[in-house]
Protein backbone atom coordinates (compact mmCIF):
# COMPACT_ATOMS: atom_id res chain seq x y z
CA UNK A 1 153.97 141.67 163.29
CA UNK A 2 151.93 141.72 166.48
CA UNK A 3 148.20 141.15 166.50
CA UNK A 4 146.31 143.33 168.96
CA UNK A 5 142.86 143.24 170.51
CA UNK A 6 141.44 145.49 167.80
CA UNK A 7 142.73 143.12 165.14
CA UNK A 8 141.12 140.14 166.87
CA UNK A 9 137.81 142.01 167.08
CA UNK A 10 138.11 142.80 163.37
CA UNK A 11 138.75 139.14 162.51
CA UNK A 12 135.79 137.95 164.55
CA UNK A 13 133.57 140.50 162.84
CA UNK A 14 134.67 139.42 159.37
CA UNK A 15 133.96 135.78 160.16
CA UNK A 16 130.58 136.71 161.62
CA UNK A 17 129.62 138.83 158.61
CA UNK A 18 130.64 136.08 156.18
CA UNK A 19 128.36 133.70 158.05
CA UNK A 20 125.41 136.06 157.87
CA UNK A 21 125.92 137.16 154.27
CA UNK A 22 127.23 134.08 152.47
CA UNK A 23 126.73 130.94 154.56
CA UNK A 24 123.40 131.03 156.37
CA UNK A 25 121.29 132.26 153.41
CA UNK A 26 122.41 129.13 151.54
CA UNK A 27 121.97 126.65 154.39
CA UNK A 28 119.21 124.21 153.38
CA UNK A 29 118.66 126.38 150.29
CA UNK A 30 121.19 124.81 147.90
CA UNK A 31 119.85 123.88 144.47
CA UNK A 32 120.91 121.32 141.87
CA UNK A 33 124.40 122.16 140.68
CA UNK A 34 125.41 124.01 143.87
CA UNK A 35 127.23 121.01 145.34
CA UNK A 36 130.42 119.82 143.66
CA UNK A 37 132.91 117.09 144.55
CA UNK A 38 136.56 117.96 145.00
CA UNK A 39 138.50 114.76 145.69
CA UNK A 40 135.64 112.40 146.58
CA UNK A 41 131.95 112.10 147.36
CA UNK A 42 132.64 113.18 150.95
CA UNK A 43 134.90 116.12 150.00
CA UNK A 44 132.54 118.80 148.73
CA UNK A 45 132.40 122.48 147.88
CA UNK A 46 129.44 124.85 147.58
CA UNK A 47 128.96 128.53 146.72
CA UNK A 48 128.89 129.21 150.47
CA UNK A 49 132.48 127.96 150.80
CA UNK A 50 133.73 129.95 147.82
CA UNK A 51 131.95 133.22 148.54
CA UNK A 52 132.64 133.22 152.28
CA UNK A 53 136.34 132.61 151.65
CA UNK A 54 136.42 135.29 148.98
CA UNK A 55 134.76 137.80 151.31
CA UNK A 56 137.07 137.09 154.27
CA UNK A 57 140.17 137.06 152.06
CA UNK A 58 139.30 140.45 150.56
CA UNK A 59 138.85 141.99 154.03
CA UNK A 60 142.13 140.52 155.26
CA UNK A 61 144.11 141.80 152.28
CA UNK A 62 142.69 145.28 152.72
CA UNK A 63 143.69 145.48 156.39
CA UNK A 64 146.90 143.40 156.20
CA UNK A 65 148.20 143.90 152.64
CA UNK A 66 151.59 142.24 153.30
CA UNK A 67 150.17 139.12 154.95
CA UNK A 68 149.98 135.63 153.45
CA UNK A 69 146.40 134.39 153.16
CA UNK A 70 145.83 130.63 152.94
CA UNK A 71 142.28 129.63 152.11
CA UNK A 72 141.13 126.03 151.82
CA UNK A 73 139.32 126.62 148.54
CA UNK A 74 142.20 128.60 146.97
CA UNK A 75 144.87 126.10 148.05
CA UNK A 76 144.72 124.00 144.87
CA UNK A 77 145.75 126.99 142.75
CA UNK A 78 148.97 127.54 144.75
CA UNK A 79 150.13 124.72 147.01
CA UNK A 80 153.32 126.55 147.97
CA UNK A 81 151.36 128.64 150.48
CA UNK A 82 151.24 125.89 153.12
CA UNK A 83 155.02 125.39 153.47
CA UNK A 84 155.30 129.20 153.47
CA UNK A 85 153.42 129.25 156.79
CA UNK A 86 156.59 128.15 158.56
CA UNK A 87 158.41 131.39 157.78
CA UNK A 88 155.79 134.03 156.92
CA UNK A 89 155.95 137.08 159.15
CA UNK A 90 152.14 137.16 159.27
CA UNK A 91 149.62 134.74 157.78
CA UNK A 92 145.92 133.95 158.00
CA UNK A 93 144.49 130.49 157.41
CA UNK A 94 140.80 130.19 156.54
CA UNK A 95 138.31 127.33 156.40
CA UNK A 96 135.14 129.17 155.36
CA UNK A 97 132.75 126.25 155.90
CA UNK A 98 134.37 123.47 157.87
CA UNK A 99 132.04 120.49 157.62
CA UNK A 100 130.81 121.15 154.07
CA UNK A 101 129.42 117.61 153.80
CA UNK A 102 127.20 118.34 156.81
CA UNK A 103 126.30 121.78 155.46
CA UNK A 104 125.33 120.37 152.08
CA UNK A 105 123.24 117.66 153.75
CA UNK A 106 121.34 120.23 155.81
CA UNK A 107 122.93 119.06 159.06
CA UNK A 108 123.53 122.00 161.44
CA UNK A 109 127.05 120.99 162.39
CA UNK A 110 129.60 123.16 160.62
CA UNK A 111 131.66 126.24 161.38
CA UNK A 112 134.09 128.83 160.13
CA UNK A 113 137.72 128.57 161.24
CA UNK A 114 140.40 131.25 161.11
CA UNK A 115 143.96 130.96 162.41
CA UNK A 116 146.62 133.64 162.69
CA UNK A 117 150.24 132.55 162.20
CA UNK A 118 153.28 134.73 162.88
CA UNK A 119 156.86 133.62 162.18
CA UNK A 120 155.97 129.94 162.16
CA UNK A 121 153.77 129.94 165.28
CA UNK A 122 149.99 129.97 165.58
CA UNK A 123 149.24 133.05 167.68
CA UNK A 124 145.44 133.28 167.51
CA UNK A 125 142.51 131.07 166.61
CA UNK A 126 138.81 131.62 165.97
CA UNK A 127 136.03 129.06 165.55
CA UNK A 128 132.63 130.55 164.76
CA UNK A 129 129.24 128.82 164.73
CA UNK A 130 127.15 130.68 162.11
CA UNK A 131 123.91 129.07 163.30
CA UNK A 132 124.12 129.97 167.00
CA UNK A 133 126.28 133.05 166.50
CA UNK A 134 128.70 131.86 169.18
CA UNK A 135 132.48 132.14 168.83
CA UNK A 136 135.47 130.52 170.51
CA UNK A 137 138.70 132.50 170.44
CA UNK A 138 142.21 132.07 171.77
CA UNK A 139 145.31 134.23 171.71
CA UNK A 140 148.61 132.57 172.60
CA UNK A 141 149.19 132.97 176.32
CA UNK A 142 145.74 134.42 176.97
CA UNK A 143 143.53 131.36 177.42
CA UNK A 144 140.55 130.17 175.38
CA UNK A 145 137.16 131.86 175.66
CA UNK A 146 133.63 131.18 174.46
CA UNK A 147 131.57 134.26 173.65
CA UNK A 148 127.85 133.78 173.16
CA UNK A 149 125.73 135.82 170.75
CA UNK A 150 124.07 137.46 173.77
CA UNK A 151 127.44 138.89 174.85
CA UNK A 152 128.15 136.53 177.75
CA UNK A 153 131.64 135.04 177.93
CA UNK A 154 133.48 132.32 179.82
CA UNK A 155 136.96 130.86 179.93
CA UNK A 156 137.29 127.29 178.67
CA UNK A 157 139.02 124.31 180.23
CA UNK A 158 139.60 120.81 178.89
CA UNK A 159 138.17 117.76 180.64
CA UNK A 160 140.01 116.26 183.60
CA UNK A 161 142.24 113.25 182.81
CA UNK A 162 140.59 109.86 183.18
CA UNK A 163 141.16 106.16 182.37
CA UNK A 164 140.73 105.00 178.79
CA UNK A 165 137.52 103.12 179.67
CA UNK A 166 135.93 106.39 180.82
CA UNK A 167 137.10 108.49 177.87
CA UNK A 168 135.01 109.78 174.99
CA UNK A 169 136.82 110.79 171.84
CA UNK A 170 137.22 111.07 168.10
CA UNK A 171 139.64 109.45 165.66
CA UNK A 172 139.16 110.48 162.04
CA UNK A 173 139.98 107.07 160.57
CA UNK A 174 138.00 107.72 157.36
CA UNK A 175 141.15 109.07 155.68
CA UNK A 176 143.40 106.22 156.84
CA UNK A 177 144.44 103.17 154.88
CA UNK A 178 144.69 99.59 156.03
CA UNK A 179 145.69 98.08 158.39
CA UNK A 180 145.55 101.29 160.48
CA UNK A 181 141.87 101.87 159.71
CA UNK A 182 140.67 98.49 161.01
CA UNK A 183 143.07 98.45 163.96
CA UNK A 184 141.99 101.86 165.22
CA UNK A 185 138.29 101.24 164.60
CA UNK A 186 138.56 98.09 166.73
CA UNK A 187 140.47 99.89 169.47
CA UNK A 188 137.71 102.49 169.78
CA UNK A 189 135.68 99.80 171.59
CA UNK A 190 137.92 100.45 174.61
CA UNK A 191 136.30 103.87 175.08
CA UNK A 192 133.13 104.71 176.91
CA UNK A 193 131.85 106.36 173.72
CA UNK A 194 133.26 107.44 170.36
CA UNK A 195 132.09 110.17 167.99
CA UNK A 196 132.78 111.41 164.48
CA UNK A 197 131.32 114.78 163.48
CA UNK A 198 133.13 115.15 160.14
CA UNK A 199 133.78 118.71 161.27
CA UNK A 200 137.01 119.85 162.92
CA UNK A 201 135.34 123.04 164.11
CA UNK A 202 132.93 121.07 166.29
CA UNK A 203 135.53 118.55 167.35
CA UNK A 204 137.86 121.20 168.77
CA UNK A 205 134.88 123.10 170.16
CA UNK A 206 133.80 120.05 172.15
CA UNK A 207 137.40 119.29 173.17
CA UNK A 208 138.13 122.80 174.47
CA UNK A 209 134.82 122.89 176.33
CA UNK A 210 135.67 119.64 178.15
CA UNK A 211 132.82 117.67 176.56
CA UNK A 212 135.10 115.05 174.97
CA UNK A 213 138.53 113.83 176.04
CA UNK A 214 140.60 113.60 172.87
CA UNK A 215 140.73 114.09 169.12
CA UNK A 216 143.11 112.40 166.69
CA UNK A 217 143.68 112.97 162.97
CA UNK A 218 146.19 111.61 160.50
CA UNK A 219 145.49 114.21 157.80
CA UNK A 220 146.59 117.68 158.95
CA UNK A 221 145.28 120.37 156.65
CA UNK A 222 146.21 123.64 158.39
CA UNK A 223 142.78 125.20 157.88
CA UNK A 224 141.24 122.30 159.81
CA UNK A 225 143.64 122.20 162.76
CA UNK A 226 145.75 125.28 163.51
CA UNK A 227 143.07 127.33 165.25
CA UNK A 228 141.65 124.32 167.09
CA UNK A 229 145.02 123.12 168.36
CA UNK A 230 145.84 126.55 169.75
CA UNK A 231 142.41 126.85 171.36
CA UNK A 232 142.83 123.38 172.89
CA UNK A 233 146.28 124.26 174.24
CA UNK A 234 145.03 127.52 175.70
CA UNK A 235 142.22 125.58 177.39
CA UNK A 236 144.88 123.51 179.16
CA UNK A 237 145.31 120.58 176.78
CA UNK A 238 148.35 118.79 175.35
CA UNK A 239 148.91 117.82 171.71
CA UNK A 240 151.71 116.36 169.61
CA UNK A 241 152.38 114.33 166.48
CA UNK A 242 152.20 110.56 166.72
CA UNK A 243 155.99 110.50 167.18
CA UNK A 244 155.80 113.02 170.04
CA UNK A 245 157.12 116.02 168.11
CA UNK A 246 155.41 119.41 168.18
CA UNK A 247 153.20 120.39 165.25
CA UNK A 248 154.23 123.31 163.03
CA UNK A 249 151.79 125.32 160.88
CA UNK A 250 153.24 124.26 157.52
CA UNK A 251 153.11 120.51 158.21
CA UNK A 252 150.39 118.31 156.75
CA UNK A 253 151.60 114.86 157.84
CA UNK A 254 152.64 113.09 161.03
CA UNK A 255 149.22 112.68 162.62
CA UNK A 256 148.05 114.49 165.74
CA UNK A 257 146.62 113.57 169.12
CA UNK A 258 145.07 116.31 171.25
CA UNK A 259 144.21 115.20 174.80
CA UNK A 260 143.85 116.47 178.36
CA UNK A 261 147.52 116.11 179.31
CA UNK A 262 150.72 114.31 178.36
CA UNK A 263 149.74 111.12 180.19
CA UNK A 264 146.35 111.03 178.44
CA UNK A 265 148.11 111.64 175.11
CA UNK A 266 150.37 108.65 175.74
CA UNK A 267 147.38 106.50 176.71
CA UNK A 268 145.50 107.35 173.51
CA UNK A 269 148.62 106.79 171.40
CA UNK A 270 149.17 103.34 172.93
CA UNK A 271 145.61 102.07 173.42
CA UNK A 272 143.77 103.63 170.46
CA UNK A 273 146.30 104.53 167.76
CA UNK A 274 148.30 101.42 168.66
CA UNK A 275 151.81 102.87 168.54
């Protein structure tokens, strides 16, 4: 099933409305009992996550009744939906509040992510900043674009390739075990500067805008990465699993490196990941 420009506009509007109705009224207004742990003290959920996902999911099912909808917060009730992404004719993948730890702490660094998957390929991606009202979108083959709340728009391009000593980047080593965790943390000293936002939305935002040079994750939840990887590719970047294979929507393992080009990818794999 093809996704057209009207569909993309609809998706952007649903994400925007969820931000205005469910996310922003709760930002810095959470009360005792609103914040719950899922798997750990850094993996949280709030009413903003649940209600925003519920709102977007309802709108998607009304417009696309035959589509598969994969929401981060609903995933635990049916884990078969992620492998189903590899063969679904049409699917939507939602992270209603990416960066919930930041959101719950009152840190204005979170976003809403929505990816569109068709027949095992990510065909569109949206990352929305509910605070600024800005949105990055990409459609496969059409480039990546940043649209500001004021209506202005520009095409995005990744940073130019550079030596490892001049790179800035992110490796999400918090989810890694030893000895990988210590090895990679030590290797980050080779960079000019390293970051960790605890928010894939902002990581891919910065990557596609050319503000950082690479991002690497071992844990590959589709709601965190599908939209961002497409946006990064459409901005001119190169990404692959640690073993060099291409990422597919239904895969959650294998690690990922997203960099400016293939040579930069190989440099990060060798010098930072240590493979």
